[in-house]
Amino acid sequence: MTIEDGPGQGPIAQVQEGMRVYDSAGADLGEVVDVKLGDPLAVTEEGQVSGEPHGLLGVVLDPEANEPHVPGELAQGLLREGYLKIHHGGLRRHTWYAPAGDVAGVDGDTVRLSVTKDRLLPAR
């Protein structure tokens, strides 16, 4: 059974942490560890970072505060569009970001992407 899109958000509105993620070729990419709905009015990533603390201390106390961990312009795009953070914890650990537009659908506890993993943004 496919879950319907949320109002104005697309299928990403139905994604929750812990869901399994598969790319368009059927490869198991791991699980969703973070979901961020987009803010189309966001101009800079600074506009998305919430409150105190900032700097190195802020990263140590709240490592999620400076998400997503990709280069500047890519981060700004993800913040405007929204994204999933996907982590695969096997022997070869990987973390990727999938823009909201790459979420093809949600079926039960499974997220399907419209792209293959080589099109995703790796975390730095």
PDB file of N, CA and C in Angstrom:
ATOM      1  N   MET A   1       0.844  -1.186   0.000  1.00  0.00           N
ATOM      2  CA  MET A   1       0.000   0.000   0.000  1.00  0.00           C
ATOM      3  C   MET A   1       0.885   1.244   0.000  1.00  0.00           C
ATOM      4  N   THR A   2       0.664   2.140  -0.899  1.00  0.00           N
ATOM      5  CA  THR A   2       1.440   3.369  -1.005  1.00  0.00           C
ATOM      6  C   THR A   2       0.785   4.466  -0.182  1.00  0.00           C
ATOM      7  N   ILE A   3       1.596   5.173   0.613  1.00  0.00           N
ATOM      8  CA  ILE A   3       1.090   6.286   1.404  1.00  0.00           C
ATOM      9  C   ILE A   3       1.004   7.508   0.502  1.00  0.00           C
ATOM     10  N   GLU A   4      -0.091   8.227   0.587  1.00  0.00           N
ATOM     11  CA  GLU A   4      -0.282   9.419  -0.240  1.00  0.00           C
ATOM     12  C   GLU A   4       0.622  10.558   0.219  1.00  0.00           C
ATOM     13  N   ASP A   5       0.949  11.450  -0.686  1.00  0.00           N
ATOM     14  CA  ASP A   5       1.772  12.618  -0.390  1.00  0.00           C
ATOM     15  C   ASP A   5       1.097  13.517   0.627  1.00  0.00           C
ATOM     16  N   GLY A   6       1.921  14.199   1.432  1.00  0.00           N
ATOM     17  CA  GLY A   6       1.410  15.236   2.321  1.00  0.00           C
ATOM     18  C   GLY A   6       1.074  16.463   1.499  1.00  0.00           C
ATOM     19  N   PRO A   7       0.300  17.395   2.038  1.00  0.00           N
ATOM     20  CA  PRO A   7      -0.105  18.573   1.275  1.00  0.00           C
ATOM     21  C   PRO A   7       1.084  19.438   0.874  1.00  0.00           C
ATOM     22  N   GLY A   8       1.348  19.537  -0.426  1.00  0.00           N
ATOM     23  CA  GLY A   8       2.386  20.411  -0.940  1.00  0.00           C
ATOM     24  C   GLY A   8       3.810  19.962  -0.682  1.00  0.00           C
ATOM     25  N   GLN A   9       4.029  18.793  -0.115  1.00  0.00           N
ATOM     26  CA  GLN A   9       5.379  18.356   0.234  1.00  0.00           C
ATOM     27  C   GLN A   9       5.893  17.232  -0.652  1.00  0.00           C
ATOM     28  N   GLY A  10       5.052  16.485  -1.303  1.00  0.00           N
ATOM     29  CA  GLY A  10       5.476  15.318  -2.050  1.00  0.00           C
ATOM     30  C   GLY A  10       5.682  14.141  -1.112  1.00  0.00           C
ATOM     31  N   PRO A  11       6.210  13.035  -1.631  1.00  0.00           N
ATOM     32  CA  PRO A  11       6.339  11.821  -0.828  1.00  0.00           C
ATOM     33  C   PRO A  11       7.268  11.968   0.380  1.00  0.00           C
ATOM     34  N   ILE A  12       8.184  12.929   0.371  1.00  0.00           N
ATOM     35  CA  ILE A  12       9.097  13.082   1.510  1.00  0.00           C
ATOM     36  C   ILE A  12       8.334  13.360   2.805  1.00  0.00           C
ATOM     37  N   ALA A  13       7.146  13.925   2.711  1.00  0.00           N
ATOM     38  CA  ALA A  13       6.357  14.232   3.905  1.00  0.00           C
ATOM     39  C   ALA A  13       5.957  12.971   4.668  1.00  0.00           C
ATOM     40  N   GLN A  14       6.002  11.821   4.020  1.00  0.00           N
ATOM     41  CA  GLN A  14       5.627  10.557   4.659  1.00  0.00           C
ATOM     42  C   GLN A  14       6.826   9.762   5.166  1.00  0.00           C
ATOM     43  N   VAL A  15       8.029  10.253   4.924  1.00  0.00           N
ATOM     44  CA  VAL A  15       9.243   9.537   5.321  1.00  0.00           C
ATOM     45  C   VAL A  15       9.510   9.764   6.802  1.00  0.00           C
ATOM     46  N   GLN A  16       9.923   8.688   7.487  1.00  0.00           N
ATOM     47  CA  GLN A  16      10.269   8.760   8.904  1.00  0.00           C
ATOM     48  C   GLN A  16      11.630   8.107   9.128  1.00  0.00           C
ATOM     49  N   GLU A  17      12.300   8.540  10.195  1.00  0.00           N
ATOM     50  CA  GLU A  17      13.573   7.924  10.560  1.00  0.00           C
ATOM     51  C   GLU A  17      13.370   6.431  10.768  1.00  0.00           C
ATOM     52  N   GLY A  18      14.363   5.657  10.362  1.00  0.00           N
ATOM     53  CA  GLY A  18      14.320   4.207  10.523  1.00  0.00           C
ATOM     54  C   GLY A  18      13.799   3.450   9.318  1.00  0.00           C
ATOM     55  N   MET A  19      13.190   4.144   8.348  1.00  0.00           N
ATOM     56  CA  MET A  19      12.695   3.470   7.142  1.00  0.00           C
ATOM     57  C   MET A  19      13.870   3.007   6.286  1.00  0.00           C
ATOM     58  N   ARG A  20      13.702   1.881   5.588  1.00  0.00           N
ATOM     59  CA  ARG A  20      14.702   1.370   4.660  1.00  0.00           C
ATOM     60  C   ARG A  20      14.603   2.156   3.362  1.00  0.00           C
ATOM     61  N   VAL A  21      15.763   2.369   2.710  1.00  0.00           N
ATOM     62  CA  VAL A  21      15.805   3.144   1.473  1.00  0.00           C
ATOM     63  C   VAL A  21      16.408   2.285   0.368  1.00  0.00           C
ATOM     64  N   TYR A  22      15.728   2.284  -0.783  1.00  0.00           N
ATOM     65  CA  TYR A  22      16.192   1.550  -1.967  1.00  0.00           C
ATOM     66  C   TYR A  22      16.304   2.525  -3.127  1.00  0.00           C
ATOM     67  N   ASP A  23      17.381   2.366  -3.902  1.00  0.00           N
ATOM     68  CA  ASP A  23      17.537   3.241  -5.063  1.00  0.00           C
ATOM     69  C   ASP A  23      16.723   2.696  -6.232  1.00  0.00           C
ATOM     70  N   SER A  24      16.769   3.386  -7.366  1.00  0.00           N
ATOM     71  CA  SER A  24      15.939   3.015  -8.517  1.00  0.00           C
ATOM     72  C   SER A  24      16.328   1.668  -9.119  1.00  0.00           C
ATOM     73  N   ALA A  25      17.548   1.187  -8.827  1.00  0.00           N
ATOM     74  CA  ALA A  25      17.986  -0.119  -9.314  1.00  0.00           C
ATOM     75  C   ALA A  25      17.658  -1.227  -8.316  1.00  0.00           C
ATOM     76  N   GLY A  26      17.069  -0.864  -7.181  1.00  0.00           N
ATOM     77  CA  GLY A  26      16.703  -1.856  -6.178  1.00  0.00           C
ATOM     78  C   GLY A  26      17.757  -2.115  -5.120  1.00  0.00           C
ATOM     79  N   ALA A  27      18.857  -1.357  -5.140  1.00  0.00           N
ATOM     80  CA  ALA A  27      19.916  -1.547  -4.147  1.00  0.00           C
ATOM     81  C   ALA A  27      19.470  -1.007  -2.790  1.00  0.00           C
ATOM     82  N   ASP A  28      19.731  -1.786  -1.735  1.00  0.00           N
ATOM     83  CA  ASP A  28      19.412  -1.386  -0.364  1.00  0.00           C
ATOM     84  C   ASP A  28      20.491  -0.409   0.086  1.00  0.00           C
ATOM     85  N   LEU A  29      20.103   0.862   0.315  1.00  0.00           N
ATOM     86  CA  LEU A  29      21.064   1.896   0.686  1.00  0.00           C
ATOM     87  C   LEU A  29      21.226   2.042   2.189  1.00  0.00           C
ATOM     88  N   GLY A  30      20.353   1.458   2.963  1.00  0.00           N
ATOM     89  CA  GLY A  30      20.415   1.595   4.410  1.00  0.00           C
ATOM     90  C   GLY A  30      19.133   2.188   4.938  1.00  0.00           C
ATOM     91  N   GLU A  31      19.265   2.980   6.013  1.00  0.00           N
ATOM     92  CA  GLU A  31      18.064   3.531   6.629  1.00  0.00           C
ATOM     93  C   GLU A  31      18.124   5.042   6.748  1.00  0.00           C
ATOM     94  N   VAL A  32      16.946   5.626   6.826  1.00  0.00           N
ATOM     95  CA  VAL A  32      16.814   7.066   7.007  1.00  0.00           C
ATOM     96  C   VAL A  32      17.218   7.400   8.443  1.00  0.00           C
ATOM     97  N   VAL A  33      18.186   8.329   8.590  1.00  0.00           N
ATOM     98  CA  VAL A  33      18.589   8.771   9.924  1.00  0.00           C
ATOM     99  C   VAL A  33      18.165  10.207  10.194  1.00  0.00           C
ATOM    100  N   ASP A  34      17.702  10.909   9.158  1.00  0.00           N
ATOM    101  CA  ASP A  34      17.208  12.273   9.338  1.00  0.00           C
ATOM    102  C   ASP A  34      16.346  12.642   8.140  1.00  0.00           C
ATOM    103  N   VAL A  35      15.291  13.405   8.400  1.00  0.00           N
ATOM    104  CA  VAL A  35      14.414  13.914   7.351  1.00  0.00           C
ATOM    105  C   VAL A  35      14.274  15.406   7.582  1.00  0.00           C
ATOM    106  N   LYS A  36      14.479  16.194   6.531  1.00  0.00           N
ATOM    107  CA  LYS A  36      14.319  17.647   6.621  1.00  0.00           C
ATOM    108  C   LYS A  36      13.392  18.073   5.496  1.00  0.00           C
ATOM    109  N   LEU A  37      12.224  18.615   5.862  1.00  0.00           N
ATOM    110  CA  LEU A  37      11.336  19.163   4.846  1.00  0.00           C
ATOM    111  C   LEU A  37      11.915  20.488   4.381  1.00  0.00           C
ATOM    112  N   GLY A  38      11.743  20.798   3.138  1.00  0.00           N
ATOM    113  CA  GLY A  38      12.345  21.988   2.552  1.00  0.00           C
ATOM    114  C   GLY A  38      11.694  23.286   2.983  1.00  0.00           C
ATOM    115  N   ASP A  39      12.477  24.350   2.812  1.00  0.00           N
ATOM    116  CA  ASP A  39      12.011  25.714   3.029  1.00  0.00           C
ATOM    117  C   ASP A  39      12.342  26.479   1.760  1.00  0.00           C
ATOM    118  N   PRO A  40      11.370  26.607   0.821  1.00  0.00           N
ATOM    119  CA  PRO A  40      11.640  27.240  -0.461  1.00  0.00           C
ATOM    120  C   PRO A  40      12.111  28.686  -0.349  1.00  0.00           C
ATOM    121  N   LEU A  41      11.863  29.327   0.779  1.00  0.00           N
ATOM    122  CA  LEU A  41      12.289  30.717   0.962  1.00  0.00           C
ATOM    123  C   LEU A  41      13.688  30.831   1.556  1.00  0.00           C
ATOM    124  N   ALA A  42      14.296  29.707   1.905  1.00  0.00           N
ATOM    125  CA  ALA A  42      15.643  29.743   2.483  1.00  0.00           C
ATOM    126  C   ALA A  42      16.628  30.202   1.423  1.00  0.00           C
ATOM    127  N   VAL A  43      17.425  31.195   1.756  1.00  0.00           N
ATOM    128  CA  VAL A  43      18.416  31.712   0.822  1.00  0.00           C
ATOM    129  C   VAL A  43      19.792  31.181   1.170  1.00  0.00           C
ATOM    130  N   THR A  44      20.089  31.066   2.453  1.00  0.00           N
ATOM    131  CA  THR A  44      21.398  30.583   2.876  1.00  0.00           C
ATOM    132  C   THR A  44      21.228  29.501   3.917  1.00  0.00           C
ATOM    133  N   GLU A  45      22.264  28.690   4.094  1.00  0.00           N
ATOM    134  CA  GLU A  45      22.184  27.670   5.114  1.00  0.00           C
ATOM    135  C   GLU A  45      22.169  28.286   6.509  1.00  0.00           C
ATOM    136  N   GLU A  46      22.714  29.498   6.668  1.00  0.00           N
ATOM    137  CA  GLU A  46      22.671  30.162   7.965  1.00  0.00           C
ATOM    138  C   GLU A  46      21.232  30.441   8.378  1.00  0.00           C
ATOM    139  N   GLY A  47      20.362  30.657   7.391  1.00  0.00           N
ATOM    140  CA  GLY A  47      18.961  30.900   7.681  1.00  0.00           C
ATOM    141  C   GLY A  47      18.250  29.673   8.223  1.00  0.00           C
ATOM    142  N   GLN A  48      18.871  28.511   8.093  1.00  0.00           N
ATOM    143  CA  GLN A  48      18.264  27.271   8.550  1.00  0.00           C
ATOM    144  C   GLN A  48      18.841  26.773   9.864  1.00  0.00           C
ATOM    145  N   VAL A  49      20.000  27.273  10.274  1.00  0.00           N
ATOM    146  CA  VAL A  49      20.625  26.799  11.497  1.00  0.00           C
ATOM    147  C   VAL A  49      19.907  27.420  12.676  1.00  0.00           C
ATOM    148  N   SER A  50      19.482  26.579  13.612  1.00  0.00           N
ATOM    149  CA  SER A  50      18.671  27.079  14.711  1.00  0.00           C
ATOM    150  C   SER A  50      19.499  27.438  15.937  1.00  0.00           C
ATOM    151  N   GLY A  51      19.341  28.670  16.392  1.00  0.00           N
ATOM    152  CA  GLY A  51      19.827  29.138  17.684  1.00  0.00           C
ATOM    153  C   GLY A  51      21.244  28.799  18.063  1.00  0.00           C
ATOM    154  N   GLU A  52      21.503  28.877  19.341  1.00  0.00           N
ATOM    155  CA  GLU A  52      22.808  28.637  19.935  1.00  0.00           C
ATOM    156  C   GLU A  52      22.994  27.151  20.145  1.00  0.00           C
ATOM    157  N   PRO A  53      24.177  26.641  20.355  1.00  0.00           N
ATOM    158  CA  PRO A  53      25.460  27.287  20.209  1.00  0.00           C
ATOM    159  C   PRO A  53      25.992  27.138  18.791  1.00  0.00           C
ATOM    160  N   HIS A  54      26.945  27.974  18.410  1.00  0.00           N
ATOM    161  CA  HIS A  54      27.542  27.939  17.078  1.00  0.00           C
ATOM    162  C   HIS A  54      29.010  27.595  17.185  1.00  0.00           C
ATOM    163  N   GLY A  55      29.674  27.478  16.034  1.00  0.00           N
ATOM    164  CA  GLY A  55      31.104  27.207  16.005  1.00  0.00           C
ATOM    165  C   GLY A  55      31.416  25.775  16.399  1.00  0.00           C
ATOM    166  N   LEU A  56      32.681  25.536  16.720  1.00  0.00           N
ATOM    167  CA  LEU A  56      33.143  24.193  17.053  1.00  0.00           C
ATOM    168  C   LEU A  56      32.400  23.631  18.253  1.00  0.00           C
ATOM    169  N   LEU A  57      32.172  24.443  19.275  1.00  0.00           N
ATOM    170  CA  LEU A  57      31.444  23.977  20.452  1.00  0.00           C
ATOM    171  C   LEU A  57      30.039  23.516  20.065  1.00  0.00           C
ATOM    172  N   GLY A  58      29.401  24.259  19.175  1.00  0.00           N
ATOM    173  CA  GLY A  58      28.063  23.886  18.722  1.00  0.00           C
ATOM    174  C   GLY A  58      28.062  22.563  17.991  1.00  0.00           C
ATOM    175  N   VAL A  59      29.081  22.305  17.179  1.00  0.00           N
ATOM    176  CA  VAL A  59      29.172  21.050  16.449  1.00  0.00           C
ATOM    177  C   VAL A  59      29.378  19.895  17.416  1.00  0.00           C
ATOM    178  N   VAL A  60      30.208  20.110  18.443  1.00  0.00           N
ATOM    179  CA  VAL A  60      30.448  19.058  19.424  1.00  0.00           C
ATOM    180  C   VAL A  60      29.184  18.774  20.229  1.00  0.00           C
ATOM    181  N   LEU A  61      28.488  19.820  20.676  1.00  0.00           N
ATOM    182  CA  LEU A  61      27.288  19.638  21.485  1.00  0.00           C
ATOM    183  C   LEU A  61      26.090  19.184  20.666  1.00  0.00           C
ATOM    184  N   ASP A  62      25.989  19.640  19.434  1.00  0.00           N
ATOM    185  CA  ASP A  62      24.858  19.311  18.572  1.00  0.00           C
ATOM    186  C   ASP A  62      25.347  19.132  17.140  1.00  0.00           C
ATOM    187  N   PRO A  63      25.890  17.940  16.808  1.00  0.00           N
ATOM    188  CA  PRO A  63      26.450  17.732  15.476  1.00  0.00           C
ATOM    189  C   PRO A  63      25.440  17.873  14.352  1.00  0.00           C
ATOM    190  N   GLU A  64      24.151  17.725  14.630  1.00  0.00           N
ATOM    191  CA  GLU A  64      23.125  17.859  13.602  1.00  0.00           C
ATOM    192  C   GLU A  64      22.843  19.309  13.258  1.00  0.00           C
ATOM    193  N   ALA A  65      23.310  20.264  14.077  1.00  0.00           N
ATOM    194  CA  ALA A  65      22.988  21.678  13.875  1.00  0.00           C
ATOM    195  C   ALA A  65      23.511  22.212  12.554  1.00  0.00           C
ATOM    196  N   ASN A  66      24.566  21.656  12.037  1.00  0.00           N
ATOM    197  CA  ASN A  66      25.152  22.162  10.797  1.00  0.00           C
ATOM    198  C   ASN A  66      24.873  21.256   9.612  1.00  0.00           C
ATOM    199  N   GLU A  67      23.790  20.495   9.669  1.00  0.00           N
ATOM    200  CA  GLU A  67      23.387  19.648   8.550  1.00  0.00           C
ATOM    201  C   GLU A  67      22.902  20.522   7.410  1.00  0.00           C
ATOM    202  N   PRO A  68      23.011  20.059   6.201  1.00  0.00           N
ATOM    203  CA  PRO A  68      23.670  18.839   5.759  1.00  0.00           C
ATOM    204  C   PRO A  68      25.171  19.039   5.597  1.00  0.00           C
ATOM    205  N   HIS A  69      25.916  17.947   5.716  1.00  0.00           N
ATOM    206  CA  HIS A  69      27.379  17.997   5.634  1.00  0.00           C
ATOM    207  C   HIS A  69      27.829  17.789   4.185  1.00  0.00           C
ATOM    208  N   VAL A  70      27.558  18.799   3.364  1.00  0.00           N
ATOM    209  CA  VAL A  70      27.982  18.841   1.967  1.00  0.00           C
ATOM    210  C   VAL A  70      28.461  20.261   1.687  1.00  0.00           C
ATOM    211  N   PRO A  71      29.218  20.471   0.601  1.00  0.00           N
ATOM    212  CA  PRO A  71      29.705  21.824   0.291  1.00  0.00           C
ATOM    213  C   PRO A  71      28.579  22.856   0.184  1.00  0.00           C
ATOM    214  N   GLY A  72      28.898  24.124   0.507  1.00  0.00           N
ATOM    215  CA  GLY A  72      27.997  25.257   0.609  1.00  0.00           C
ATOM    216  C   GLY A  72      26.803  25.337  -0.300  1.00  0.00           C
ATOM    217  N   GLU A  73      27.004  25.479  -1.607  1.00  0.00           N
ATOM    218  CA  GLU A  73      25.864  25.658  -2.512  1.00  0.00           C
ATOM    219  C   GLU A  73      24.977  24.423  -2.538  1.00  0.00           C
ATOM    220  N   LEU A  74      25.576  23.240  -2.429  1.00  0.00           N
ATOM    221  CA  LEU A  74      24.776  22.010  -2.388  1.00  0.00           C
ATOM    222  C   LEU A  74      23.936  21.968  -1.111  1.00  0.00           C
ATOM    223  N   ALA A  75      24.533  22.389   0.006  1.00  0.00           N
ATOM    224  CA  ALA A  75      23.806  22.427   1.278  1.00  0.00           C
ATOM    225  C   ALA A  75      22.619  23.380   1.179  1.00  0.00           C
ATOM    226  N   GLN A  76      22.829  24.535   0.585  1.00  0.00           N
ATOM    227  CA  GLN A  76      21.748  25.515   0.449  1.00  0.00           C
ATOM    228  C   GLN A  76      20.604  24.943  -0.382  1.00  0.00           C
ATOM    229  N   GLY A  77      20.944  24.244  -1.456  1.00  0.00           N
ATOM    230  CA  GLY A  77      19.918  23.624  -2.288  1.00  0.00           C
ATOM    231  C   GLY A  77      19.126  22.571  -1.524  1.00  0.00           C
ATOM    232  N   LEU A  78      19.830  21.748  -0.740  1.00  0.00           N
ATOM    233  CA  LEU A  78      19.144  20.723   0.045  1.00  0.00           C
ATOM    234  C   LEU A  78      18.227  21.350   1.091  1.00  0.00           C
ATOM    235  N   LEU A  79      18.670  22.435   1.707  1.00  0.00           N
ATOM    236  CA  LEU A  79      17.849  23.100   2.714  1.00  0.00           C
ATOM    237  C   LEU A  79      16.582  23.707   2.102  1.00  0.00           C
ATOM    238  N   ARG A  80      16.707  24.219   0.886  1.00  0.00           N
ATOM    239  CA  ARG A  80      15.524  24.774   0.211  1.00  0.00           C
ATOM    240  C   ARG A  80      14.559  23.674  -0.210  1.00  0.00           C
ATOM    241  N   GLU A  81      15.109  22.589  -0.768  1.00  0.00           N
ATOM    242  CA  GLU A  81      14.262  21.524  -1.318  1.00  0.00           C
ATOM    243  C   GLU A  81      13.812  20.524  -0.255  1.00  0.00           C
ATOM    244  N   GLY A  82      14.643  20.283   0.742  1.00  0.00           N
ATOM    245  CA  GLY A  82      14.414  19.215   1.711  1.00  0.00           C
ATOM    246  C   GLY A  82      15.263  18.013   1.327  1.00  0.00           C
ATOM    247  N   TYR A  83      15.501  17.120   2.285  1.00  0.00           N
ATOM    248  CA  TYR A  83      16.369  15.979   2.013  1.00  0.00           C
ATOM    249  C   TYR A  83      16.158  14.854   3.015  1.00  0.00           C
ATOM    250  N   LEU A  84      16.675  13.692   2.628  1.00  0.00           N
ATOM    251  CA  LEU A  84      16.809  12.543   3.514  1.00  0.00           C
ATOM    252  C   LEU A  84      18.287  12.338   3.756  1.00  0.00           C
ATOM    253  N   LYS A  85      18.653  11.986   4.966  1.00  0.00           N
ATOM    254  CA  LYS A  85      20.019  11.557   5.261  1.00  0.00           C
ATOM    255  C   LYS A  85      19.931  10.048   5.448  1.00  0.00           C
ATOM    256  N   ILE A  86      20.716   9.330   4.652  1.00  0.00           N
ATOM    257  CA  ILE A  86      20.652   7.873   4.607  1.00  0.00           C
ATOM    258  C   ILE A  86      21.983   7.321   5.092  1.00  0.00           C
ATOM    259  N   HIS A  87      21.922   6.350   6.004  1.00  0.00           N
ATOM    260  CA  HIS A  87      23.151   5.750   6.521  1.00  0.00           C
ATOM    261  C   HIS A  87      23.108   4.245   6.304  1.00  0.00           C
ATOM    262  N   HIS A  88      24.216   3.731   5.750  1.00  0.00           N
ATOM    263  CA  HIS A  88      24.387   2.289   5.583  1.00  0.00           C
ATOM    264  C   HIS A  88      25.520   1.884   6.503  1.00  0.00           C
ATOM    265  N   GLY A  89      25.241   1.058   7.485  1.00  0.00           N
ATOM    266  CA  GLY A  89      26.225   0.756   8.519  1.00  0.00           C
ATOM    267  C   GLY A  89      26.932  -0.572   8.388  1.00  0.00           C
ATOM    268  N   GLY A  90      27.035  -1.134   7.213  1.00  0.00           N
ATOM    269  CA  GLY A  90      27.723  -2.409   7.041  1.00  0.00           C
ATOM    270  C   GLY A  90      29.231  -2.256   7.180  1.00  0.00           C
ATOM    271  N   LEU A  91      29.961  -3.208   6.634  1.00  0.00           N
ATOM    272  CA  LEU A  91      31.421  -3.168   6.686  1.00  0.00           C
ATOM    273  C   LEU A  91      31.962  -1.907   6.025  1.00  0.00           C
ATOM    274  N   ARG A  92      31.333  -1.511   4.941  1.00  0.00           N
ATOM    275  CA  ARG A  92      31.718  -0.276   4.252  1.00  0.00           C
ATOM    276  C   ARG A  92      30.649   0.761   4.535  1.00  0.00           C
ATOM    277  N   ARG A  93      30.854   1.525   5.577  1.00  0.00           N
ATOM    278  CA  ARG A  93      29.858   2.504   6.008  1.00  0.00           C
ATOM    279  C   ARG A  93      29.774   3.666   5.024  1.00  0.00           C
ATOM    280  N   HIS A  94      28.554   4.059   4.738  1.00  0.00           N
ATOM    281  CA  HIS A  94      28.308   5.178   3.836  1.00  0.00           C
ATOM    282  C   HIS A  94      27.176   6.027   4.389  1.00  0.00           C
ATOM    283  N   THR A  95      27.261   7.322   4.120  1.00  0.00           N
ATOM    284  CA  THR A  95      26.170   8.230   4.435  1.00  0.00           C
ATOM    285  C   THR A  95      25.947   9.104   3.218  1.00  0.00           C
ATOM    286  N   TRP A  96      24.685   9.185   2.792  1.00  0.00           N
ATOM    287  CA  TRP A  96      24.318   9.975   1.628  1.00  0.00           C
ATOM    288  C   TRP A  96      23.179  10.920   1.977  1.00  0.00           C
ATOM    289  N   TYR A  97      23.023  11.940   1.134  1.00  0.00           N
ATOM    290  CA  TYR A  97      21.872  12.830   1.188  1.00  0.00           C
ATOM    291  C   TYR A  97      21.112  12.669  -0.118  1.00  0.00           C
ATOM    292  N   ALA A  98      19.802  12.527  -0.022  1.00  0.00           N
ATOM    293  CA  ALA A  98      18.938  12.457  -1.195  1.00  0.00           C
ATOM    294  C   ALA A  98      18.013  13.666  -1.166  1.00  0.00           C
ATOM    295  N   PRO A  99      18.075  14.528  -2.190  1.00  0.00           N
ATOM    296  CA  PRO A  99      17.139  15.651  -2.248  1.00  0.00           C
ATOM    297  C   PRO A  99      15.699  15.143  -2.263  1.00  0.00           C
ATOM    298  N   ALA A 100      14.786  15.941  -1.735  1.00  0.00           N
ATOM    299  CA  ALA A 100      13.376  15.560  -1.663  1.00  0.00           C
ATOM    300  C   ALA A 100      12.831  15.121  -3.018  1.00  0.00           C
ATOM    301  N   GLY A 101      13.273  15.770  -4.088  1.00  0.00           N
ATOM    302  CA  GLY A 101      12.793  15.440  -5.421  1.00  0.00           C
ATOM    303  C   GLY A 101      13.192  14.061  -5.900  1.00  0.00           C
ATOM    304  N   ASP A 102      14.160  13.428  -5.233  1.00  0.00           N
ATOM    305  CA  ASP A 102      14.588  12.079  -5.601  1.00  0.00           C
ATOM    306  C   ASP A 102      13.756  10.993  -4.929  1.00  0.00           C
ATOM    307  N   VAL A 103      12.857  11.376  -4.033  1.00  0.00           N
ATOM    308  CA  VAL A 103      11.989  10.398  -3.368  1.00  0.00           C
ATOM    309  C   VAL A 103      10.829  10.089  -4.301  1.00  0.00           C
ATOM    310  N   ALA A 104      10.827   8.869  -4.838  1.00  0.00           N
ATOM    311  CA  ALA A 104       9.791   8.465  -5.786  1.00  0.00           C
ATOM    312  C   ALA A 104       8.511   8.051  -5.074  1.00  0.00           C
ATOM    313  N   GLY A 105       8.650   7.449  -3.900  1.00  0.00           N
ATOM    314  CA  GLY A 105       7.459   7.009  -3.187  1.00  0.00           C
ATOM    315  C   GLY A 105       7.800   6.343  -1.875  1.00  0.00           C
ATOM    316  N   VAL A 106       6.766   6.153  -1.073  1.00  0.00           N
ATOM    317  CA  VAL A 106       6.881   5.490   0.220  1.00  0.00           C
ATOM    318  C   VAL A 106       5.853   4.367   0.250  1.00  0.00           C
ATOM    319  N   ASP A 107       6.312   3.155   0.509  1.00  0.00           N
ATOM    320  CA  ASP A 107       5.437   1.983   0.613  1.00  0.00           C
ATOM    321  C   ASP A 107       5.677   1.345   1.966  1.00  0.00           C
ATOM    322  N   GLY A 108       4.730   1.490   2.881  1.00  0.00           N
ATOM    323  CA  GLY A 108       4.903   0.930   4.219  1.00  0.00           C
ATOM    324  C   GLY A 108       6.106   1.563   4.898  1.00  0.00           C
ATOM    325  N   ASP A 109       7.107   0.728   5.235  1.00  0.00           N
ATOM    326  CA  ASP A 109       8.332   1.204   5.882  1.00  0.00           C
ATOM    327  C   ASP A 109       9.493   1.307   4.896  1.00  0.00           C
ATOM    328  N   THR A 110       9.184   1.458   3.613  1.00  0.00           N
ATOM    329  CA  THR A 110      10.201   1.484   2.564  1.00  0.00           C
ATOM    330  C   THR A 110      10.116   2.773   1.762  1.00  0.00           C
ATOM    331  N   VAL A 111      11.285   3.384   1.538  1.00  0.00           N
ATOM    332  CA  VAL A 111      11.390   4.575   0.699  1.00  0.00           C
ATOM    333  C   VAL A 111      12.035   4.154  -0.612  1.00  0.00           C
ATOM    334  N   ARG A 112      11.421   4.523  -1.714  1.00  0.00           N
ATOM    335  CA  ARG A 112      11.979   4.253  -3.037  1.00  0.00           C
ATOM    336  C   ARG A 112      12.466   5.565  -3.644  1.00  0.00           C
ATOM    337  N   LEU A 113      13.702   5.547  -4.159  1.00  0.00           N
ATOM    338  CA  LEU A 113      14.260   6.727  -4.816  1.00  0.00           C
ATOM    339  C   LEU A 113      14.124   6.586  -6.325  1.00  0.00           C
ATOM    340  N   SER A 114      14.147   7.716  -7.012  1.00  0.00           N
ATOM    341  CA  SER A 114      14.042   7.721  -8.474  1.00  0.00           C
ATOM    342  C   SER A 114      15.416   7.725  -9.149  1.00  0.00           C
ATOM    343  N   VAL A 115      16.477   7.644  -8.362  1.00  0.00           N
ATOM    344  CA  VAL A 115      17.848   7.671  -8.875  1.00  0.00           C
ATOM    345  C   VAL A 115      18.648   6.532  -8.261  1.00  0.00           C
ATOM    346  N   THR A 116      19.803   6.238  -8.880  1.00  0.00           N
ATOM    347  CA  THR A 116      20.708   5.243  -8.307  1.00  0.00           C
ATOM    348  C   THR A 116      21.632   5.922  -7.301  1.00  0.00           C
ATOM    349  N   LYS A 117      22.275   5.121  -6.462  1.00  0.00           N
ATOM    350  CA  LYS A 117      23.087   5.679  -5.370  1.00  0.00           C
ATOM    351  C   LYS A 117      24.234   6.554  -5.864  1.00  0.00           C
ATOM    352  N   ASP A 118      24.728   6.321  -7.071  1.00  0.00           N
ATOM    353  CA  ASP A 118      25.833   7.143  -7.577  1.00  0.00           C
ATOM    354  C   ASP A 118      25.397   8.576  -7.880  1.00  0.00           C
ATOM    355  N   ARG A 119      24.090   8.857  -7.864  1.00  0.00           N
ATOM    356  CA  ARG A 119      23.570  10.214  -8.086  1.00  0.00           C
ATOM    357  C   ARG A 119      23.324  10.962  -6.777  1.00  0.00           C
ATOM    358  N   LEU A 120      23.502  10.280  -5.631  1.00  0.00           N
ATOM    359  CA  LEU A 120      23.271  10.897  -4.325  1.00  0.00           C
ATOM    360  C   LEU A 120      24.503  11.682  -3.878  1.00  0.00           C
ATOM    361  N   LEU A 121      24.299  12.581  -2.930  1.00  0.00           N
ATOM    362  CA  LEU A 121      25.391  13.399  -2.394  1.00  0.00           C
ATOM    363  C   LEU A 121      26.000  12.691  -1.181  1.00  0.00           C
ATOM    364  N   PRO A 122      27.290  12.349  -1.249  1.00  0.00           N
ATOM    365  CA  PRO A 122      27.918  11.711  -0.079  1.00  0.00           C
ATOM    366  C   PRO A 122      28.187  12.755   1.001  1.00  0.00           C
ATOM    367  N   ALA A 123      28.032  12.335   2.260  1.00  0.00           N
ATOM    368  CA  ALA A 123      28.378  13.214   3.381  1.00  0.00           C
ATOM    369  C   ALA A 123      29.899  13.367   3.407  1.00  0.00           C
ATOM    370  N   ARG A 124      30.342  14.561   3.771  1.00  0.00           N
ATOM    371  CA  ARG A 124      31.794  14.757   3.859  1.00  0.00           C
ATOM    372  C   ARG A 124      32.258  14.608   5.280  1.00  0.00           C
TER     373      ARG A 124
END
